[in-house]
Amino acid sequence: MSTLHVVSHSPFTDSRLASCLRVCGAEDAILLCGDGAYGLHNAALQTRGVKVFVLAEDMQARNLPLPDWADSVDYPGFVQLSIDYSKVNTWL
């Protein structure tokens, strides 16, 4: 069963992204949004082998470059991801 993990908090202020990475399976994906977009600076995302998405609007608002190992999505893309994965887990 695949899960889309939604992380909206900065990895510089708490450990939600690190906790998320510990439970991510091979079929899971992470969507970074809000201050969670700063997670693009986290090397563990690249080396973990988990599919990573970032909300384009939030990435652009923070002037972050898109690494080649991540994909950006708009709001309709976010909705589509929530349909494509069997579960959605928001790290509040």
PDB file of N, CA and C in Angstrom:
ATOM      1  N   MET A   1       0.844  -1.173   0.000  1.00  0.00           N
ATOM      2  CA  MET A   1       0.000   0.000   0.000  1.00  0.00           C
ATOM      3  C   MET A   1       0.894   1.242   0.000  1.00  0.00           C
ATOM      4  N   SER A   2       0.661   2.149  -0.929  1.00  0.00           N
ATOM      5  CA  SER A   2       1.496   3.340  -1.050  1.00  0.00           C
ATOM      6  C   SER A   2       0.889   4.507  -0.273  1.00  0.00           C
ATOM      7  N   THR A   3       1.772   5.338   0.258  1.00  0.00           N
ATOM      8  CA  THR A   3       1.346   6.489   1.050  1.00  0.00           C
ATOM      9  C   THR A   3       2.013   7.749   0.528  1.00  0.00           C
ATOM     10  N   LEU A   4       1.230   8.812   0.420  1.00  0.00           N
ATOM     11  CA  LEU A   4       1.762  10.139   0.141  1.00  0.00           C
ATOM     12  C   LEU A   4       1.908  10.839   1.479  1.00  0.00           C
ATOM     13  N   HIS A   5       3.135  11.191   1.840  1.00  0.00           N
ATOM     14  CA  HIS A   5       3.423  11.887   3.092  1.00  0.00           C
ATOM     15  C   HIS A   5       3.521  13.380   2.790  1.00  0.00           C
ATOM     16  N   VAL A   6       2.699  14.180   3.455  1.00  0.00           N
ATOM     17  CA  VAL A   6       2.680  15.627   3.236  1.00  0.00           C
ATOM     18  C   VAL A   6       3.374  16.301   4.414  1.00  0.00           C
ATOM     19  N   VAL A   7       4.464  17.020   4.116  1.00  0.00           N
ATOM     20  CA  VAL A   7       5.248  17.697   5.149  1.00  0.00           C
ATOM     21  C   VAL A   7       5.201  19.195   4.874  1.00  0.00           C
ATOM     22  N   SER A   8       4.658  19.957   5.826  1.00  0.00           N
ATOM     23  CA  SER A   8       4.509  21.398   5.629  1.00  0.00           C
ATOM     24  C   SER A   8       5.321  22.237   6.614  1.00  0.00           C
ATOM     25  N   HIS A   9       6.095  21.589   7.461  1.00  0.00           N
ATOM     26  CA  HIS A   9       6.897  22.312   8.454  1.00  0.00           C
ATOM     27  C   HIS A   9       8.372  22.260   8.085  1.00  0.00           C
ATOM     28  N   SER A  10       9.077  23.336   8.378  1.00  0.00           N
ATOM     29  CA  SER A  10      10.494  23.430   8.047  1.00  0.00           C
ATOM     30  C   SER A  10      11.302  22.350   8.762  1.00  0.00           C
ATOM     31  N   PRO A  11      12.208  21.694   8.046  1.00  0.00           N
ATOM     32  CA  PRO A  11      13.071  20.706   8.697  1.00  0.00           C
ATOM     33  C   PRO A  11      14.086  21.357   9.630  1.00  0.00           C
ATOM     34  N   PHE A  12      14.176  22.679   9.595  1.00  0.00           N
ATOM     35  CA  PHE A  12      15.114  23.394  10.459  1.00  0.00           C
ATOM     36  C   PHE A  12      14.515  23.711  11.823  1.00  0.00           C
ATOM     37  N   THR A  13      13.196  23.501  11.989  1.00  0.00           N
ATOM     38  CA  THR A  13      12.550  23.845  13.258  1.00  0.00           C
ATOM     39  C   THR A  13      12.061  22.640  14.051  1.00  0.00           C
ATOM     40  N   ASP A  14      11.914  21.494  13.397  1.00  0.00           N
ATOM     41  CA  ASP A  14      11.508  20.286  14.129  1.00  0.00           C
ATOM     42  C   ASP A  14      11.933  19.041  13.356  1.00  0.00           C
ATOM     43  N   SER A  15      11.566  17.884  13.855  1.00  0.00           N
ATOM     44  CA  SER A  15      12.056  16.624  13.280  1.00  0.00           C
ATOM     45  C   SER A  15      10.996  15.868  12.475  1.00  0.00           C
ATOM     46  N   ARG A  16       9.963  16.539  12.025  1.00  0.00           N
ATOM     47  CA  ARG A  16       8.889  15.844  11.298  1.00  0.00           C
ATOM     48  C   ARG A  16       9.383  15.200  10.011  1.00  0.00           C
ATOM     49  N   LEU A  17      10.220  15.909   9.260  1.00  0.00           N
ATOM     50  CA  LEU A  17      10.723  15.330   8.017  1.00  0.00           C
ATOM     51  C   LEU A  17      11.590  14.110   8.313  1.00  0.00           C
ATOM     52  N   ALA A  18      12.426  14.195   9.330  1.00  0.00           N
ATOM     53  CA  ALA A  18      13.271  13.054   9.703  1.00  0.00           C
ATOM     54  C   ALA A  18      12.410  11.866  10.135  1.00  0.00           C
ATOM     55  N   SER A  19      11.366  12.128  10.898  1.00  0.00           N
ATOM     56  CA  SER A  19      10.456  11.057  11.319  1.00  0.00           C
ATOM     57  C   SER A  19       9.746  10.450  10.120  1.00  0.00           C
ATOM     58  N   CYS A  20       9.348  11.297   9.196  1.00  0.00           N
ATOM     59  CA  CYS A  20       8.691  10.829   7.977  1.00  0.00           C
ATOM     60  C   CYS A  20       9.616   9.907   7.194  1.00  0.00           C
ATOM     61  N   LEU A  21      10.863  10.307   7.052  1.00  0.00           N
ATOM     62  CA  LEU A  21      11.826   9.499   6.300  1.00  0.00           C
ATOM     63  C   LEU A  21      12.033   8.127   6.926  1.00  0.00           C
ATOM     64  N   ARG A  22      11.942   8.046   8.251  1.00  0.00           N
ATOM     65  CA  ARG A  22      12.135   6.766   8.936  1.00  0.00           C
ATOM     66  C   ARG A  22      11.037   5.763   8.606  1.00  0.00           C
ATOM     67  N   VAL A  23       9.840   6.244   8.307  1.00  0.00           N
ATOM     68  CA  VAL A  23       8.728   5.320   8.067  1.00  0.00           C
ATOM     69  C   VAL A  23       8.365   5.167   6.587  1.00  0.00           C
ATOM     70  N   CYS A  24       8.997   5.925   5.722  1.00  0.00           N
ATOM     71  CA  CYS A  24       8.685   5.851   4.289  1.00  0.00           C
ATOM     72  C   CYS A  24       9.094   4.505   3.706  1.00  0.00           C
ATOM     73  N   GLY A  25       8.188   3.928   2.947  1.00  0.00           N
ATOM     74  CA  GLY A  25       8.470   2.688   2.244  1.00  0.00           C
ATOM     75  C   GLY A  25       8.876   2.957   0.811  1.00  0.00           C
ATOM     76  N   ALA A  26       9.238   1.908   0.115  1.00  0.00           N
ATOM     77  CA  ALA A  26       9.724   2.028  -1.260  1.00  0.00           C
ATOM     78  C   ALA A  26       8.662   2.564  -2.216  1.00  0.00           C
ATOM     79  N   GLU A  27       7.397   2.336  -1.926  1.00  0.00           N
ATOM     80  CA  GLU A  27       6.318   2.789  -2.806  1.00  0.00           C
ATOM     81  C   GLU A  27       5.742   4.137  -2.395  1.00  0.00           C
ATOM     82  N   ASP A  28       6.268   4.726  -1.324  1.00  0.00           N
ATOM     83  CA  ASP A  28       5.754   5.985  -0.800  1.00  0.00           C
ATOM     84  C   ASP A  28       6.365   7.182  -1.521  1.00  0.00           C
ATOM     85  N   ALA A  29       5.773   8.335  -1.279  1.00  0.00           N
ATOM     86  CA  ALA A  29       6.295   9.596  -1.803  1.00  0.00           C
ATOM     87  C   ALA A  29       6.113  10.668  -0.738  1.00  0.00           C
ATOM     88  N   ILE A  30       6.897  11.733  -0.864  1.00  0.00           N
ATOM     89  CA  ILE A  30       6.812  12.871   0.046  1.00  0.00           C
ATOM     90  C   ILE A  30       6.460  14.103  -0.767  1.00  0.00           C
ATOM     91  N   LEU A  31       5.480  14.852  -0.284  1.00  0.00           N
ATOM     92  CA  LEU A  31       5.142  16.143  -0.873  1.00  0.00           C
ATOM     93  C   LEU A  31       5.526  17.219   0.124  1.00  0.00           C
ATOM     94  N   LEU A  32       6.424  18.098  -0.273  1.00  0.00           N
ATOM     95  CA  LEU A  32       6.846  19.218   0.557  1.00  0.00           C
ATOM     96  C   LEU A  32       6.013  20.435   0.183  1.00  0.00           C
ATOM     97  N   CYS A  33       5.421  21.078   1.181  1.00  0.00           N
ATOM     98  CA  CYS A  33       4.642  22.284   0.923  1.00  0.00           C
ATOM     99  C   CYS A  33       4.849  23.257   2.078  1.00  0.00           C
ATOM    100  N   GLY A  34       4.458  24.510   1.888  1.00  0.00           N
ATOM    101  CA  GLY A  34       4.696  25.516   2.906  1.00  0.00           C
ATOM    102  C   GLY A  34       6.180  25.587   3.217  1.00  0.00           C
ATOM    103  N   ASP A  35       6.510  25.772   4.500  1.00  0.00           N
ATOM    104  CA  ASP A  35       7.922  25.803   4.899  1.00  0.00           C
ATOM    105  C   ASP A  35       8.591  24.446   4.755  1.00  0.00           C
ATOM    106  N   GLY A  36       7.814  23.402   4.549  1.00  0.00           N
ATOM    107  CA  GLY A  36       8.384  22.090   4.276  1.00  0.00           C
ATOM    108  C   GLY A  36       9.212  22.076   3.005  1.00  0.00           C
ATOM    109  N   ALA A  37       8.989  23.060   2.118  1.00  0.00           N
ATOM    110  CA  ALA A  37       9.767  23.158   0.876  1.00  0.00           C
ATOM    111  C   ALA A  37      11.257  23.305   1.159  1.00  0.00           C
ATOM    112  N   TYR A  38      11.603  23.829   2.330  1.00  0.00           N
ATOM    113  CA  TYR A  38      13.021  23.923   2.697  1.00  0.00           C
ATOM    114  C   TYR A  38      13.664  22.544   2.820  1.00  0.00           C
ATOM    115  N   GLY A  39      12.858  21.511   2.886  1.00  0.00           N
ATOM    116  CA  GLY A  39      13.375  20.148   2.916  1.00  0.00           C
ATOM    117  C   GLY A  39      14.138  19.778   1.657  1.00  0.00           C
ATOM    118  N   LEU A  40      13.992  20.571   0.597  1.00  0.00           N
ATOM    119  CA  LEU A  40      14.767  20.322  -0.624  1.00  0.00           C
ATOM    120  C   LEU A  40      16.265  20.413  -0.357  1.00  0.00           C
ATOM    121  N   HIS A  41      16.643  21.057   0.754  1.00  0.00           N
ATOM    122  CA  HIS A  41      18.055  21.159   1.133  1.00  0.00           C
ATOM    123  C   HIS A  41      18.531  19.937   1.918  1.00  0.00           C
ATOM    124  N   ASN A  42      17.636  19.001   2.201  1.00  0.00           N
ATOM    125  CA  ASN A  42      17.955  17.829   3.012  1.00  0.00           C
ATOM    126  C   ASN A  42      18.530  16.722   2.123  1.00  0.00           C
ATOM    127  N   ALA A  43      19.807  16.434   2.293  1.00  0.00           N
ATOM    128  CA  ALA A  43      20.479  15.424   1.466  1.00  0.00           C
ATOM    129  C   ALA A  43      19.869  14.038   1.645  1.00  0.00           C
ATOM    130  N   ALA A  44      19.281  13.777   2.804  1.00  0.00           N
ATOM    131  CA  ALA A  44      18.688  12.462   3.054  1.00  0.00           C
ATOM    132  C   ALA A  44      17.538  12.172   2.098  1.00  0.00           C
ATOM    133  N   LEU A  45      16.856  13.206   1.634  1.00  0.00           N
ATOM    134  CA  LEU A  45      15.769  12.993   0.676  1.00  0.00           C
ATOM    135  C   LEU A  45      16.292  12.404  -0.622  1.00  0.00           C
ATOM    136  N   GLN A  46      17.439  12.884  -1.054  1.00  0.00           N
ATOM    137  CA  GLN A  46      18.017  12.404  -2.311  1.00  0.00           C
ATOM    138  C   GLN A  46      18.545  10.982  -2.160  1.00  0.00           C
ATOM    139  N   THR A  47      19.201  10.698  -1.071  1.00  0.00           N
ATOM    140  CA  THR A  47      19.844   9.397  -0.893  1.00  0.00           C
ATOM    141  C   THR A  47      18.866   8.308  -0.453  1.00  0.00           C
ATOM    142  N   ARG A  48      17.727   8.687   0.081  1.00  0.00           N
ATOM    143  CA  ARG A  48      16.754   7.705   0.595  1.00  0.00           C
ATOM    144  C   ARG A  48      16.040   6.955  -0.526  1.00  0.00           C
ATOM    145  N   GLY A  49      15.980   7.555  -1.705  1.00  0.00           N
ATOM    146  CA  GLY A  49      15.340   6.881  -2.824  1.00  0.00           C
ATOM    147  C   GLY A  49      13.829   6.993  -2.847  1.00  0.00           C
ATOM    148  N   VAL A  50      13.270   7.885  -2.055  1.00  0.00           N
ATOM    149  CA  VAL A  50      11.828   8.108  -2.018  1.00  0.00           C
ATOM    150  C   VAL A  50      11.484   9.175  -3.055  1.00  0.00           C
ATOM    151  N   LYS A  51      10.364   9.006  -3.734  1.00  0.00           N
ATOM    152  CA  LYS A  51       9.912  10.002  -4.702  1.00  0.00           C
ATOM    153  C   LYS A  51       9.550  11.278  -3.949  1.00  0.00           C
ATOM    154  N   VAL A  52      10.073  12.422  -4.409  1.00  0.00           N
ATOM    155  CA  VAL A  52       9.852  13.699  -3.731  1.00  0.00           C
ATOM    156  C   VAL A  52       9.159  14.676  -4.680  1.00  0.00           C
ATOM    157  N   PHE A  53       8.098  15.285  -4.172  1.00  0.00           N
ATOM    158  CA  PHE A  53       7.384  16.341  -4.879  1.00  0.00           C
ATOM    159  C   PHE A  53       7.411  17.590  -4.011  1.00  0.00           C
ATOM    160  N   VAL A  54       7.350  18.750  -4.650  1.00  0.00           N
ATOM    161  CA  VAL A  54       7.267  20.012  -3.918  1.00  0.00           C
ATOM    162  C   VAL A  54       6.194  20.860  -4.585  1.00  0.00           C
ATOM    163  N   LEU A  55       5.418  21.547  -3.783  1.00  0.00           N
ATOM    164  CA  LEU A  55       4.397  22.429  -4.326  1.00  0.00           C
ATOM    165  C   LEU A  55       5.102  23.628  -4.963  1.00  0.00           C
ATOM    166  N   ALA A  56       4.916  23.794  -6.260  1.00  0.00           N
ATOM    167  CA  ALA A  56       5.648  24.801  -7.038  1.00  0.00           C
ATOM    168  C   ALA A  56       5.486  26.202  -6.462  1.00  0.00           C
ATOM    169  N   GLU A  57       4.282  26.551  -6.071  1.00  0.00           N
ATOM    170  CA  GLU A  57       4.026  27.884  -5.531  1.00  0.00           C
ATOM    171  C   GLU A  57       4.860  28.154  -4.282  1.00  0.00           C
ATOM    172  N   ASP A  58       4.980  27.165  -3.403  1.00  0.00           N
ATOM    173  CA  ASP A  58       5.744  27.340  -2.169  1.00  0.00           C
ATOM    174  C   ASP A  58       7.242  27.365  -2.435  1.00  0.00           C
ATOM    175  N   MET A  59       7.696  26.578  -3.389  1.00  0.00           N
ATOM    176  CA  MET A  59       9.111  26.580  -3.767  1.00  0.00           C
ATOM    177  C   MET A  59       9.486  27.946  -4.349  1.00  0.00           C
ATOM    178  N   GLN A  60       8.646  28.469  -5.221  1.00  0.00           N
ATOM    179  CA  GLN A  60       8.916  29.760  -5.848  1.00  0.00           C
ATOM    180  C   GLN A  60       8.846  30.897  -4.843  1.00  0.00           C
ATOM    181  N   ALA A  61       7.909  30.842  -3.899  1.00  0.00           N
ATOM    182  CA  ALA A  61       7.772  31.885  -2.885  1.00  0.00           C
ATOM    183  C   ALA A  61       9.006  31.973  -1.996  1.00  0.00           C
ATOM    184  N   ARG A  62       9.722  30.857  -1.866  1.00  0.00           N
ATOM    185  CA  ARG A  62      10.925  30.816  -1.032  1.00  0.00           C
ATOM    186  C   ARG A  62      12.199  30.885  -1.868  1.00  0.00           C
ATOM    187  N   ASN A  63      12.030  31.116  -3.173  1.00  0.00           N
ATOM    188  CA  ASN A  63      13.158  31.253  -4.102  1.00  0.00           C
ATOM    189  C   ASN A  63      14.101  30.050  -4.034  1.00  0.00           C
ATOM    190  N   LEU A  64      13.524  28.858  -4.007  1.00  0.00           N
ATOM    191  CA  LEU A  64      14.311  27.631  -3.930  1.00  0.00           C
ATOM    192  C   LEU A  64      14.450  27.014  -5.314  1.00  0.00           C
ATOM    193  N   PRO A  65      15.637  26.553  -5.661  1.00  0.00           N
ATOM    194  CA  PRO A  65      15.795  25.852  -6.940  1.00  0.00           C
ATOM    195  C   PRO A  65      15.235  24.432  -6.827  1.00  0.00           C
ATOM    196  N   LEU A  66      14.792  23.900  -7.949  1.00  0.00           N
ATOM    197  CA  LEU A  66      14.273  22.533  -7.976  1.00  0.00           C
ATOM    198  C   LEU A  66      15.409  21.580  -8.306  1.00  0.00           C
ATOM    199  N   PRO A  67      15.776  20.698  -7.365  1.00  0.00           N
ATOM    200  CA  PRO A  67      16.825  19.717  -7.660  1.00  0.00           C
ATOM    201  C   PRO A  67      16.344  18.731  -8.727  1.00  0.00           C
ATOM    202  N   ASP A  68      17.286  18.125  -9.419  1.00  0.00           N
ATOM    203  CA  ASP A  68      16.907  17.190 -10.486  1.00  0.00           C
ATOM    204  C   ASP A  68      16.262  15.913  -9.959  1.00  0.00           C
ATOM    205  N   TRP A  69      16.373  15.620  -8.677  1.00  0.00           N
ATOM    206  CA  TRP A  69      15.801  14.410  -8.097  1.00  0.00           C
ATOM    207  C   TRP A  69      14.386  14.625  -7.540  1.00  0.00           C
ATOM    208  N   ALA A  70      13.851  15.842  -7.684  1.00  0.00           N
ATOM    209  CA  ALA A  70      12.502  16.146  -7.196  1.00  0.00           C
ATOM    210  C   ALA A  70      11.643  16.664  -8.351  1.00  0.00           C
ATOM    211  N   ASP A  71      10.343  16.602  -8.163  1.00  0.00           N
ATOM    212  CA  ASP A  71       9.397  17.121  -9.153  1.00  0.00           C
ATOM    213  C   ASP A  71       8.504  18.164  -8.500  1.00  0.00           C
ATOM    214  N   SER A  72       8.183  19.213  -9.236  1.00  0.00           N
ATOM    215  CA  SER A  72       7.259  20.218  -8.715  1.00  0.00           C
ATOM    216  C   SER A  72       5.851  19.932  -9.236  1.00  0.00           C
ATOM    217  N   VAL A  73       4.869  20.267  -8.421  1.00  0.00           N
ATOM    218  CA  VAL A  73       3.465  20.104  -8.801  1.00  0.00           C
ATOM    219  C   VAL A  73       2.701  21.369  -8.427  1.00  0.00           C
ATOM    220  N   ASP A  74       1.621  21.625  -9.159  1.00  0.00           N
ATOM    221  CA  ASP A  74       0.724  22.716  -8.806  1.00  0.00           C
ATOM    222  C   ASP A  74      -0.406  22.137  -7.947  1.00  0.00           C
ATOM    223  N   TYR A  75      -1.388  22.973  -7.605  1.00  0.00           N
ATOM    224  CA  TYR A  75      -2.470  22.478  -6.748  1.00  0.00           C
ATOM    225  C   TYR A  75      -3.277  21.344  -7.390  1.00  0.00           C
ATOM    226  N   PRO A  76      -3.612  21.438  -8.675  1.00  0.00           N
ATOM    227  CA  PRO A  76      -4.288  20.280  -9.284  1.00  0.00           C
ATOM    228  C   PRO A  76      -3.416  19.017  -9.253  1.00  0.00           C
ATOM    229  N   GLY A  77      -2.090  19.197  -9.371  1.00  0.00           N
ATOM    230  CA  GLY A  77      -1.177  18.062  -9.269  1.00  0.00           C
ATOM    231  C   GLY A  77      -1.180  17.460  -7.876  1.00  0.00           C
ATOM    232  N   PHE A  78      -1.299  18.320  -6.860  1.00  0.00           N
ATOM    233  CA  PHE A  78      -1.395  17.875  -5.473  1.00  0.00           C
ATOM    234  C   PHE A  78      -2.644  17.001  -5.311  1.00  0.00           C
ATOM    235  N   VAL A  79      -3.751  17.461  -5.847  1.00  0.00           N
ATOM    236  CA  VAL A  79      -4.992  16.685  -5.770  1.00  0.00           C
ATOM    237  C   VAL A  79      -4.820  15.340  -6.475  1.00  0.00           C
ATOM    238  N   GLN A  80      -4.189  15.356  -7.640  1.00  0.00           N
ATOM    239  CA  GLN A  80      -3.986  14.111  -8.381  1.00  0.00           C
ATOM    240  C   GLN A  80      -3.112  13.136  -7.596  1.00  0.00           C
ATOM    241  N   LEU A  81      -2.071  13.651  -6.933  1.00  0.00           N
ATOM    242  CA  LEU A  81      -1.223  12.785  -6.108  1.00  0.00           C
ATOM    243  C   LEU A  81      -2.038  12.130  -4.998  1.00  0.00           C
ATOM    244  N   SER A  82      -2.932  12.901  -4.390  1.00  0.00           N
ATOM    245  CA  SER A  82      -3.743  12.341  -3.301  1.00  0.00           C
ATOM    246  C   SER A  82      -4.675  11.245  -3.803  1.00  0.00           C
ATOM    247  N   ILE A  83      -4.991  11.272  -5.087  1.00  0.00           N
ATOM    248  CA  ILE A  83      -5.806  10.222  -5.696  1.00  0.00           C
ATOM    249  C   ILE A  83      -4.938   9.017  -6.070  1.00  0.00           C
ATOM    250  N   ASP A  84      -3.732   9.297  -6.569  1.00  0.00           N
ATOM    251  CA  ASP A  84      -2.845   8.240  -7.056  1.00  0.00           C
ATOM    252  C   ASP A  84      -2.314   7.334  -5.943  1.00  0.00           C
ATOM    253  N   TYR A  85      -2.134   7.879  -4.747  1.00  0.00           N
ATOM    254  CA  TYR A  85      -1.616   7.090  -3.626  1.00  0.00           C
ATOM    255  C   TYR A  85      -2.791   6.588  -2.788  1.00  0.00           C
ATOM    256  N   SER A  86      -2.654   5.385  -2.258  1.00  0.00           N
ATOM    257  CA  SER A  86      -3.776   4.772  -1.547  1.00  0.00           C
ATOM    258  C   SER A  86      -4.076   5.438  -0.205  1.00  0.00           C
ATOM    259  N   LYS A  87      -3.069   6.074   0.399  1.00  0.00           N
ATOM    260  CA  LYS A  87      -3.263   6.788   1.665  1.00  0.00           C
ATOM    261  C   LYS A  87      -2.524   8.114   1.598  1.00  0.00           C
ATOM    262  N   VAL A  88      -3.006   9.085   2.379  1.00  0.00           N
ATOM    263  CA  VAL A  88      -2.321  10.369   2.528  1.00  0.00           C
ATOM    264  C   VAL A  88      -2.110  10.588   4.016  1.00  0.00           C
ATOM    265  N   ASN A  89      -0.863  10.838   4.398  1.00  0.00           N
ATOM    266  CA  ASN A  89      -0.520  11.090   5.793  1.00  0.00           C
ATOM    267  C   ASN A  89       0.078  12.485   5.890  1.00  0.00           C
ATOM    268  N   THR A  90      -0.595  13.372   6.605  1.00  0.00           N
ATOM    269  CA  THR A  90      -0.093  14.730   6.796  1.00  0.00           C
ATOM    270  C   THR A  90       0.623  14.795   8.131  1.00  0.00           C
ATOM    271  N   TRP A  91       1.870  15.250   8.098  1.00  0.00           N
ATOM    272  CA  TRP A  91       2.694  15.341   9.303  1.00  0.00           C
ATOM    273  C   TRP A  91       2.434  16.682   9.982  1.00  0.00           C
ATOM    274  N   LEU A  92       1.416  16.716  10.848  1.00  0.00           N
ATOM    275  CA  LEU A  92       1.029  17.945  11.545  1.00  0.00           C
ATOM    276  C   LEU A  92       1.866  18.187  12.771  1.00  0.00           C
TER     277      LEU A  92
END
